[in-house]
Amino acid sequence: MTISEATSATPLTPAEQRVADALASHRLPGKVIVLEALATTAQMAAEALGVEVGRIVKSLVFKGADSGTPYLLLVSGANRVHERRVGRLLGEKLARSDADFVKAHTGFSIGGVSPYGHPAPLATFIDETLFGFETVWAAAGNPRSVFEIAAADLERTTGSRRIEVT
């Protein structure tokens, strides 16, 4: 594994610290881990961690085509979102969001969007596939950082609803 736990030698960025604080506030055992290389994709993160890509949580932000509501989808790295099907589940057609929309609603740049640390609560949905793993890995506010968590803890602490995304 090519990771090192964040220490004083590798200080956390403000975005990473927001995630670390959120993990602590939920009394979760996970810690922010700083990777030696950027992991801007699920595949890159899986390779850096030495885990299968399905264990990587992609935090994807869509917006309601009519309402403009941001929707956070926590998706297994092995899956692609079937936008029409998920839109029907949410009751609204989904539109892809741009980098500015993602940053405005999550406080993070694409590639490092975390399930935690947003400026305001988001309607959040979690991929059923993630529950097939003992633990999963999610971005911690920066493309270089991640944390490990049980899918059930992620569901409970984000207030997310389980859905089938494919």
N, C-alpha and C. Protein backbone atom coordinates (compact mmCIF):
# COMPACT_ATOMS: atom_id res chain seq x y z
N MET A 1 0.85 -1.18 0.00
CA MET A 1 0.00 0.00 0.00
C MET A 1 0.89 1.24 0.00
N THR A 2 0.55 2.22 -0.78
CA THR A 2 1.37 3.43 -0.87
C THR A 2 0.66 4.59 -0.17
N ILE A 3 0.38 4.39 1.10
CA ILE A 3 -0.32 5.44 1.85
C ILE A 3 0.43 5.73 3.14
N SER A 4 0.20 6.89 3.67
CA SER A 4 0.75 7.24 4.97
C SER A 4 -0.28 8.07 5.71
N GLU A 5 -0.49 7.72 6.96
CA GLU A 5 -1.48 8.49 7.73
C GLU A 5 -0.97 9.91 7.89
N ALA A 6 -1.90 10.85 7.79
CA ALA A 6 -1.52 12.25 7.90
C ALA A 6 -0.89 12.51 9.26
N THR A 7 0.24 13.14 9.24
CA THR A 7 0.95 13.50 10.47
C THR A 7 1.37 14.95 10.34
N SER A 8 2.12 15.42 11.30
CA SER A 8 2.59 16.79 11.21
C SER A 8 3.47 16.98 9.98
N ALA A 9 4.08 15.90 9.48
CA ALA A 9 4.88 15.99 8.26
C ALA A 9 4.00 16.19 7.03
N THR A 10 2.75 15.73 7.11
CA THR A 10 1.81 15.89 6.02
C THR A 10 0.56 16.57 6.59
N PRO A 11 0.61 17.89 6.73
CA PRO A 11 -0.54 18.57 7.31
C PRO A 11 -1.77 18.48 6.41
N LEU A 12 -2.92 18.40 7.03
CA LEU A 12 -4.16 18.35 6.27
C LEU A 12 -4.50 19.73 5.72
N THR A 13 -5.06 19.74 4.53
CA THR A 13 -5.57 20.98 3.96
C THR A 13 -6.84 21.36 4.74
N PRO A 14 -7.32 22.59 4.61
CA PRO A 14 -8.58 22.95 5.28
C PRO A 14 -9.75 22.03 4.88
N ALA A 15 -9.82 21.64 3.60
CA ALA A 15 -10.89 20.74 3.16
C ALA A 15 -10.76 19.37 3.82
N GLU A 16 -9.55 18.85 3.88
CA GLU A 16 -9.32 17.56 4.53
C GLU A 16 -9.64 17.65 6.02
N GLN A 17 -9.31 18.76 6.64
CA GLN A 17 -9.59 18.94 8.07
C GLN A 17 -11.09 18.95 8.33
N ARG A 18 -11.88 19.55 7.42
CA ARG A 18 -13.35 19.52 7.57
C ARG A 18 -13.85 18.09 7.60
N VAL A 19 -13.28 17.24 6.74
CA VAL A 19 -13.68 15.84 6.70
C VAL A 19 -13.23 15.14 7.99
N ALA A 20 -12.00 15.36 8.42
CA ALA A 20 -11.51 14.76 9.66
C ALA A 20 -12.39 15.17 10.84
N ASP A 21 -12.78 16.44 10.88
CA ASP A 21 -13.64 16.93 11.96
C ASP A 21 -15.02 16.27 11.90
N ALA A 22 -15.55 16.08 10.69
CA ALA A 22 -16.85 15.43 10.55
C ALA A 22 -16.78 13.97 11.00
N LEU A 23 -15.71 13.27 10.64
CA LEU A 23 -15.56 11.88 11.09
C LEU A 23 -15.52 11.83 12.62
N ALA A 24 -14.77 12.74 13.22
CA ALA A 24 -14.67 12.79 14.68
C ALA A 24 -16.01 13.14 15.31
N SER A 25 -16.75 14.07 14.72
CA SER A 25 -18.03 14.48 15.30
C SER A 25 -19.06 13.34 15.27
N HIS A 26 -18.92 12.44 14.31
CA HIS A 26 -19.81 11.27 14.23
C HIS A 26 -19.25 10.08 15.02
N ARG A 27 -18.10 10.30 15.66
CA ARG A 27 -17.43 9.26 16.45
C ARG A 27 -17.11 8.03 15.61
N LEU A 28 -16.69 8.29 14.39
CA LEU A 28 -16.32 7.22 13.48
C LEU A 28 -14.83 6.91 13.64
N PRO A 29 -14.45 5.64 13.50
CA PRO A 29 -13.05 5.27 13.70
C PRO A 29 -12.13 5.67 12.55
N GLY A 30 -12.69 5.97 11.38
CA GLY A 30 -11.87 6.28 10.21
C GLY A 30 -11.05 7.55 10.39
N LYS A 31 -9.88 7.54 9.80
CA LYS A 31 -8.98 8.70 9.82
C LYS A 31 -8.67 9.09 8.38
N VAL A 32 -8.41 10.36 8.17
CA VAL A 32 -8.01 10.83 6.85
C VAL A 32 -6.60 10.30 6.57
N ILE A 33 -6.47 9.65 5.44
CA ILE A 33 -5.20 9.08 4.98
C ILE A 33 -4.76 9.87 3.76
N VAL A 34 -3.51 10.29 3.75
CA VAL A 34 -2.97 11.04 2.62
C VAL A 34 -2.18 10.07 1.75
N LEU A 35 -2.58 9.97 0.49
CA LEU A 35 -1.91 9.09 -0.46
C LEU A 35 -0.63 9.74 -0.97
N GLU A 36 0.29 8.92 -1.42
CA GLU A 36 1.53 9.45 -1.97
C GLU A 36 1.33 10.06 -3.35
N ALA A 37 0.27 9.63 -4.04
CA ALA A 37 -0.02 10.16 -5.38
C ALA A 37 -1.49 10.56 -5.45
N LEU A 38 -1.82 11.44 -6.38
CA LEU A 38 -3.21 11.84 -6.56
C LEU A 38 -4.04 10.64 -7.01
N ALA A 39 -5.29 10.63 -6.58
CA ALA A 39 -6.22 9.58 -6.97
C ALA A 39 -7.52 10.25 -7.42
N THR A 40 -7.48 10.84 -8.59
CA THR A 40 -8.63 11.60 -9.08
C THR A 40 -9.73 10.73 -9.66
N THR A 41 -9.45 9.44 -9.85
CA THR A 41 -10.47 8.51 -10.33
C THR A 41 -10.57 7.34 -9.37
N ALA A 42 -11.68 6.62 -9.45
CA ALA A 42 -11.87 5.45 -8.61
C ALA A 42 -10.78 4.42 -8.88
N GLN A 43 -10.42 4.23 -10.14
CA GLN A 43 -9.38 3.26 -10.49
C GLN A 43 -8.04 3.65 -9.88
N MET A 44 -7.70 4.93 -9.95
CA MET A 44 -6.44 5.40 -9.37
C MET A 44 -6.43 5.19 -7.85
N ALA A 45 -7.55 5.46 -7.20
CA ALA A 45 -7.64 5.26 -5.75
C ALA A 45 -7.51 3.79 -5.40
N ALA A 46 -8.19 2.93 -6.15
CA ALA A 46 -8.12 1.49 -5.90
C ALA A 46 -6.69 0.98 -6.04
N GLU A 47 -6.01 1.43 -7.08
CA GLU A 47 -4.62 1.01 -7.28
C GLU A 47 -3.72 1.50 -6.15
N ALA A 48 -3.89 2.74 -5.73
CA ALA A 48 -3.07 3.30 -4.65
C ALA A 48 -3.29 2.56 -3.34
N LEU A 49 -4.53 2.12 -3.11
CA LEU A 49 -4.87 1.45 -1.85
C LEU A 49 -4.70 -0.06 -1.91
N GLY A 50 -4.57 -0.61 -3.13
CA GLY A 50 -4.45 -2.06 -3.28
C GLY A 50 -5.76 -2.77 -3.00
N VAL A 51 -6.88 -2.14 -3.39
CA VAL A 51 -8.21 -2.74 -3.18
C VAL A 51 -8.94 -2.79 -4.52
N GLU A 52 -10.02 -3.56 -4.55
CA GLU A 52 -10.80 -3.61 -5.78
C GLU A 52 -11.58 -2.31 -5.95
N VAL A 53 -11.79 -1.93 -7.20
CA VAL A 53 -12.41 -0.65 -7.52
C VAL A 53 -13.83 -0.52 -6.96
N GLY A 54 -14.53 -1.63 -6.77
CA GLY A 54 -15.87 -1.59 -6.21
C GLY A 54 -15.92 -1.04 -4.80
N ARG A 55 -14.80 -1.09 -4.07
CA ARG A 55 -14.74 -0.58 -2.69
C ARG A 55 -14.51 0.93 -2.62
N ILE A 56 -14.30 1.56 -3.76
CA ILE A 56 -14.09 3.00 -3.79
C ILE A 56 -15.46 3.68 -3.94
N VAL A 57 -15.71 4.67 -3.10
CA VAL A 57 -16.96 5.43 -3.15
C VAL A 57 -16.75 6.66 -4.03
N LYS A 58 -17.50 6.73 -5.11
CA LYS A 58 -17.50 7.94 -5.93
C LYS A 58 -18.60 8.85 -5.39
N SER A 59 -18.25 10.06 -5.01
CA SER A 59 -19.24 11.04 -4.55
C SER A 59 -19.60 11.91 -5.74
N LEU A 60 -20.74 11.62 -6.36
CA LEU A 60 -21.15 12.28 -7.60
C LEU A 60 -22.30 13.24 -7.31
N VAL A 61 -22.18 14.45 -7.83
CA VAL A 61 -23.21 15.46 -7.62
C VAL A 61 -23.95 15.68 -8.94
N PHE A 62 -25.25 15.47 -8.90
CA PHE A 62 -26.14 15.76 -10.02
C PHE A 62 -27.06 16.89 -9.58
N LYS A 63 -27.71 17.50 -10.55
CA LYS A 63 -28.71 18.50 -10.16
C LYS A 63 -30.04 18.16 -10.82
N GLY A 64 -31.10 18.51 -10.11
CA GLY A 64 -32.43 18.32 -10.67
C GLY A 64 -32.58 19.21 -11.89
N ALA A 65 -33.00 18.63 -13.01
CA ALA A 65 -33.09 19.39 -14.27
C ALA A 65 -34.06 20.55 -14.16
N ASP A 66 -35.13 20.38 -13.40
CA ASP A 66 -36.13 21.44 -13.26
C ASP A 66 -35.90 22.30 -12.03
N SER A 67 -35.58 21.66 -10.90
CA SER A 67 -35.48 22.39 -9.64
C SER A 67 -34.10 22.98 -9.37
N GLY A 68 -33.06 22.39 -9.97
CA GLY A 68 -31.70 22.82 -9.67
C GLY A 68 -31.20 22.28 -8.34
N THR A 69 -31.98 21.39 -7.70
CA THR A 69 -31.60 20.80 -6.43
C THR A 69 -30.35 19.93 -6.59
N PRO A 70 -29.35 20.09 -5.72
CA PRO A 70 -28.19 19.20 -5.78
C PRO A 70 -28.51 17.85 -5.14
N TYR A 71 -28.10 16.79 -5.79
CA TYR A 71 -28.26 15.43 -5.27
C TYR A 71 -26.88 14.80 -5.20
N LEU A 72 -26.51 14.29 -4.04
CA LEU A 72 -25.23 13.60 -3.86
C LEU A 72 -25.48 12.10 -3.94
N LEU A 73 -24.81 11.45 -4.88
CA LEU A 73 -24.92 10.00 -5.04
C LEU A 73 -23.59 9.38 -4.64
N LEU A 74 -23.63 8.49 -3.67
CA LEU A 74 -22.45 7.77 -3.21
C LEU A 74 -22.46 6.42 -3.92
N VAL A 75 -21.57 6.25 -4.89
CA VAL A 75 -21.65 5.17 -5.86
C VAL A 75 -20.39 4.31 -5.82
N SER A 76 -20.56 3.00 -5.91
CA SER A 76 -19.42 2.10 -6.01
C SER A 76 -18.60 2.45 -7.23
N GLY A 77 -17.28 2.43 -7.08
CA GLY A 77 -16.38 2.73 -8.19
C GLY A 77 -16.54 1.80 -9.37
N ALA A 78 -17.17 0.65 -9.16
CA ALA A 78 -17.37 -0.32 -10.24
C ALA A 78 -18.63 -0.02 -11.04
N ASN A 79 -19.45 0.92 -10.58
CA ASN A 79 -20.75 1.17 -11.22
C ASN A 79 -20.81 2.51 -11.93
N ARG A 80 -21.67 2.54 -12.93
CA ARG A 80 -22.02 3.80 -13.60
C ARG A 80 -23.47 4.11 -13.24
N VAL A 81 -23.78 5.37 -13.06
CA VAL A 81 -25.13 5.78 -12.70
C VAL A 81 -26.02 5.75 -13.94
N HIS A 82 -27.13 5.04 -13.84
CA HIS A 82 -28.16 5.07 -14.89
C HIS A 82 -29.02 6.29 -14.57
N GLU A 83 -28.72 7.41 -15.22
CA GLU A 83 -29.32 8.69 -14.84
C GLU A 83 -30.84 8.70 -14.96
N ARG A 84 -31.37 8.09 -15.99
CA ARG A 84 -32.84 8.08 -16.14
C ARG A 84 -33.51 7.31 -15.02
N ARG A 85 -32.99 6.12 -14.73
CA ARG A 85 -33.57 5.29 -13.68
C ARG A 85 -33.47 5.98 -12.32
N VAL A 86 -32.32 6.54 -12.02
CA VAL A 86 -32.14 7.21 -10.73
C VAL A 86 -33.04 8.45 -10.67
N GLY A 87 -33.14 9.17 -11.76
CA GLY A 87 -34.03 10.33 -11.80
C GLY A 87 -35.47 9.95 -11.48
N ARG A 88 -35.91 8.81 -12.03
CA ARG A 88 -37.27 8.34 -11.71
C ARG A 88 -37.40 8.03 -10.22
N LEU A 89 -36.37 7.43 -9.63
CA LEU A 89 -36.40 7.13 -8.19
C LEU A 89 -36.48 8.41 -7.36
N LEU A 90 -35.81 9.45 -7.84
CA LEU A 90 -35.78 10.72 -7.10
C LEU A 90 -36.97 11.61 -7.43
N GLY A 91 -37.69 11.26 -8.49
CA GLY A 91 -38.87 12.04 -8.86
C GLY A 91 -38.56 13.26 -9.71
N GLU A 92 -37.37 13.27 -10.32
CA GLU A 92 -36.98 14.42 -11.12
C GLU A 92 -35.88 13.99 -12.09
N LYS A 93 -35.95 14.49 -13.31
CA LYS A 93 -34.90 14.23 -14.29
C LYS A 93 -33.60 14.82 -13.76
N LEU A 94 -32.51 14.07 -13.93
CA LEU A 94 -31.21 14.54 -13.48
C LEU A 94 -30.43 15.18 -14.61
N ALA A 95 -29.67 16.19 -14.26
CA ALA A 95 -28.75 16.83 -15.19
C ALA A 95 -27.35 16.73 -14.59
N ARG A 96 -26.37 16.66 -15.44
CA ARG A 96 -24.98 16.66 -14.95
C ARG A 96 -24.64 18.05 -14.45
N SER A 97 -23.81 18.10 -13.44
CA SER A 97 -23.43 19.39 -12.88
C SER A 97 -21.99 19.72 -13.29
N ASP A 98 -21.69 21.00 -13.35
CA ASP A 98 -20.33 21.40 -13.70
C ASP A 98 -19.52 21.61 -12.42
N ALA A 99 -18.23 21.88 -12.60
CA ALA A 99 -17.32 22.01 -11.47
C ALA A 99 -17.73 23.13 -10.51
N ASP A 100 -18.24 24.23 -11.03
CA ASP A 100 -18.66 25.34 -10.17
C ASP A 100 -19.85 24.95 -9.30
N PHE A 101 -20.82 24.22 -9.88
CA PHE A 101 -21.99 23.76 -9.13
C PHE A 101 -21.54 22.82 -8.01
N VAL A 102 -20.66 21.87 -8.34
CA VAL A 102 -20.16 20.91 -7.35
C VAL A 102 -19.46 21.65 -6.22
N LYS A 103 -18.57 22.55 -6.54
CA LYS A 103 -17.82 23.30 -5.52
C LYS A 103 -18.76 24.14 -4.65
N ALA A 104 -19.74 24.79 -5.27
CA ALA A 104 -20.68 25.64 -4.52
C ALA A 104 -21.49 24.84 -3.51
N HIS A 105 -21.86 23.61 -3.87
CA HIS A 105 -22.76 22.83 -3.00
C HIS A 105 -22.05 21.86 -2.07
N THR A 106 -20.80 21.52 -2.38
CA THR A 106 -20.09 20.58 -1.51
C THR A 106 -18.91 21.24 -0.79
N GLY A 107 -18.39 22.32 -1.36
CA GLY A 107 -17.19 22.92 -0.80
C GLY A 107 -15.92 22.25 -1.27
N PHE A 108 -16.05 21.27 -2.16
CA PHE A 108 -14.90 20.51 -2.66
C PHE A 108 -14.82 20.58 -4.17
N SER A 109 -13.62 20.41 -4.69
CA SER A 109 -13.41 20.32 -6.13
C SER A 109 -13.63 18.90 -6.59
N ILE A 110 -14.05 18.73 -7.83
CA ILE A 110 -14.23 17.40 -8.41
C ILE A 110 -12.92 16.63 -8.28
N GLY A 111 -13.02 15.37 -7.91
CA GLY A 111 -11.85 14.53 -7.68
C GLY A 111 -11.57 14.35 -6.20
N GLY A 112 -12.12 15.24 -5.37
CA GLY A 112 -11.91 15.14 -3.93
C GLY A 112 -13.19 15.31 -3.14
N VAL A 113 -14.35 15.20 -3.81
CA VAL A 113 -15.63 15.41 -3.13
C VAL A 113 -15.85 14.32 -2.09
N SER A 114 -16.06 14.75 -0.87
CA SER A 114 -16.28 13.83 0.25
C SER A 114 -17.76 13.74 0.58
N PRO A 115 -18.17 12.64 1.19
CA PRO A 115 -19.55 12.54 1.68
C PRO A 115 -19.81 13.46 2.87
N TYR A 116 -18.76 14.01 3.48
CA TYR A 116 -18.87 14.85 4.67
C TYR A 116 -18.26 16.24 4.44
N GLY A 117 -18.65 17.19 5.29
CA GLY A 117 -18.00 18.49 5.30
C GLY A 117 -18.58 19.51 4.34
N HIS A 118 -19.84 19.34 3.94
CA HIS A 118 -20.47 20.28 3.00
C HIS A 118 -20.97 21.52 3.74
N PRO A 119 -21.12 22.63 3.01
CA PRO A 119 -21.61 23.85 3.66
C PRO A 119 -23.05 23.75 4.16
N ALA A 120 -23.85 22.91 3.53
CA ALA A 120 -25.24 22.69 3.94
C ALA A 120 -25.59 21.24 3.62
N PRO A 121 -26.56 20.66 4.33
CA PRO A 121 -26.95 19.27 4.05
C PRO A 121 -27.42 19.10 2.60
N LEU A 122 -27.09 17.94 2.03
CA LEU A 122 -27.50 17.60 0.67
C LEU A 122 -28.38 16.36 0.70
N ALA A 123 -29.34 16.30 -0.22
CA ALA A 123 -30.10 15.07 -0.41
C ALA A 123 -29.11 14.02 -0.89
N THR A 124 -28.94 12.95 -0.11
CA THR A 124 -27.88 11.97 -0.36
C THR A 124 -28.45 10.58 -0.53
N PHE A 125 -27.91 9.86 -1.52
CA PHE A 125 -28.35 8.51 -1.85
C PHE A 125 -27.12 7.63 -1.97
N ILE A 126 -27.25 6.37 -1.51
CA ILE A 126 -26.09 5.47 -1.49
C ILE A 126 -26.38 4.21 -2.29
N ASP A 127 -25.42 3.82 -3.08
CA ASP A 127 -25.47 2.65 -3.94
C ASP A 127 -25.53 1.38 -3.10
N GLU A 128 -26.54 0.55 -3.34
CA GLU A 128 -26.69 -0.72 -2.62
C GLU A 128 -25.45 -1.60 -2.74
N THR A 129 -24.75 -1.51 -3.85
CA THR A 129 -23.57 -2.35 -4.09
C THR A 129 -22.52 -2.19 -3.01
N LEU A 130 -22.40 -1.00 -2.42
CA LEU A 130 -21.38 -0.74 -1.41
C LEU A 130 -21.55 -1.61 -0.17
N PHE A 131 -22.77 -2.10 0.06
CA PHE A 131 -23.03 -2.90 1.26
C PHE A 131 -22.53 -4.34 1.12
N GLY A 132 -22.00 -4.68 -0.04
CA GLY A 132 -21.40 -6.00 -0.25
C GLY A 132 -19.96 -6.09 0.23
N PHE A 133 -19.42 -4.99 0.76
CA PHE A 133 -18.04 -4.94 1.23
C PHE A 133 -18.01 -4.66 2.72
N GLU A 134 -17.03 -5.23 3.41
CA GLU A 134 -16.90 -4.97 4.85
C GLU A 134 -16.66 -3.49 5.10
N THR A 135 -15.75 -2.90 4.33
CA THR A 135 -15.49 -1.46 4.40
C THR A 135 -15.31 -0.92 2.99
N VAL A 136 -15.47 0.38 2.87
CA VAL A 136 -15.28 1.08 1.60
C VAL A 136 -14.38 2.29 1.86
N TRP A 137 -13.88 2.88 0.77
CA TRP A 137 -12.99 4.03 0.86
C TRP A 137 -13.62 5.21 0.13
N ALA A 138 -13.62 6.37 0.76
CA ALA A 138 -14.19 7.57 0.16
C ALA A 138 -13.18 8.71 0.17
N ALA A 139 -13.37 9.67 -0.72
CA ALA A 139 -12.50 10.84 -0.79
C ALA A 139 -12.65 11.68 0.48
N ALA A 140 -11.56 12.31 0.85
CA ALA A 140 -11.54 13.10 2.08
C ALA A 140 -11.25 14.56 1.81
N GLY A 141 -11.86 15.11 0.74
CA GLY A 141 -11.76 16.54 0.50
C GLY A 141 -10.67 16.98 -0.45
N ASN A 142 -9.90 16.02 -0.94
CA ASN A 142 -8.77 16.34 -1.81
C ASN A 142 -8.46 15.08 -2.63
N PRO A 143 -8.03 15.22 -3.88
CA PRO A 143 -7.71 14.03 -4.68
C PRO A 143 -6.57 13.19 -4.11
N ARG A 144 -5.89 13.68 -3.10
CA ARG A 144 -4.79 12.93 -2.50
C ARG A 144 -5.18 12.21 -1.21
N SER A 145 -6.43 12.37 -0.76
CA SER A 145 -6.79 11.85 0.55
C SER A 145 -8.08 11.03 0.54
N VAL A 146 -8.12 10.05 1.44
CA VAL A 146 -9.25 9.12 1.54
C VAL A 146 -9.47 8.75 3.00
N PHE A 147 -10.59 8.07 3.25
CA PHE A 147 -10.82 7.47 4.57
C PHE A 147 -11.60 6.18 4.37
N GLU A 148 -11.45 5.27 5.30
CA GLU A 148 -12.12 3.97 5.26
C GLU A 148 -13.31 4.00 6.20
N ILE A 149 -14.42 3.35 5.78
CA ILE A 149 -15.64 3.37 6.57
C ILE A 149 -16.52 2.18 6.19
N ALA A 150 -17.31 1.70 7.12
CA ALA A 150 -18.32 0.69 6.81
C ALA A 150 -19.48 1.38 6.08
N ALA A 151 -20.02 0.73 5.06
CA ALA A 151 -21.12 1.33 4.30
C ALA A 151 -22.31 1.67 5.20
N ALA A 152 -22.58 0.83 6.19
CA ALA A 152 -23.71 1.11 7.09
C ALA A 152 -23.46 2.39 7.89
N ASP A 153 -22.22 2.63 8.29
CA ASP A 153 -21.90 3.87 9.01
C ASP A 153 -22.02 5.07 8.08
N LEU A 154 -21.60 4.90 6.84
CA LEU A 154 -21.72 5.97 5.85
C LEU A 154 -23.19 6.32 5.63
N GLU A 155 -24.01 5.30 5.48
CA GLU A 155 -25.45 5.49 5.29
C GLU A 155 -26.07 6.23 6.48
N ARG A 156 -25.76 5.76 7.68
CA ARG A 156 -26.36 6.31 8.89
C ARG A 156 -25.94 7.76 9.13
N THR A 157 -24.67 8.05 8.97
CA THR A 157 -24.16 9.38 9.33
C THR A 157 -24.38 10.43 8.24
N THR A 158 -24.64 10.01 7.01
CA THR A 158 -24.95 10.98 5.95
C THR A 158 -26.45 11.13 5.77
N GLY A 159 -27.24 10.28 6.44
CA GLY A 159 -28.69 10.32 6.27
C GLY A 159 -29.10 9.91 4.87
N SER A 160 -28.27 9.10 4.23
CA SER A 160 -28.55 8.72 2.84
C SER A 160 -29.59 7.61 2.76
N ARG A 161 -30.17 7.51 1.58
CA ARG A 161 -31.16 6.48 1.28
C ARG A 161 -30.55 5.51 0.26
N ARG A 162 -30.71 4.22 0.52
CA ARG A 162 -30.17 3.21 -0.40
C ARG A 162 -30.97 3.17 -1.69
N ILE A 163 -30.24 3.13 -2.80
CA ILE A 163 -30.88 2.99 -4.10
C ILE A 163 -30.02 2.09 -5.00
N GLU A 164 -30.63 1.60 -6.04
CA GLU A 164 -29.90 0.89 -7.09
C GLU A 164 -29.55 1.94 -8.14
N VAL A 165 -28.29 2.07 -8.46
CA VAL A 165 -27.86 3.14 -9.37
C VAL A 165 -27.67 2.68 -10.80
N THR A 166 -27.57 1.38 -11.02
CA THR A 166 -27.29 0.88 -12.38
C THR A 166 -28.56 0.53 -13.12
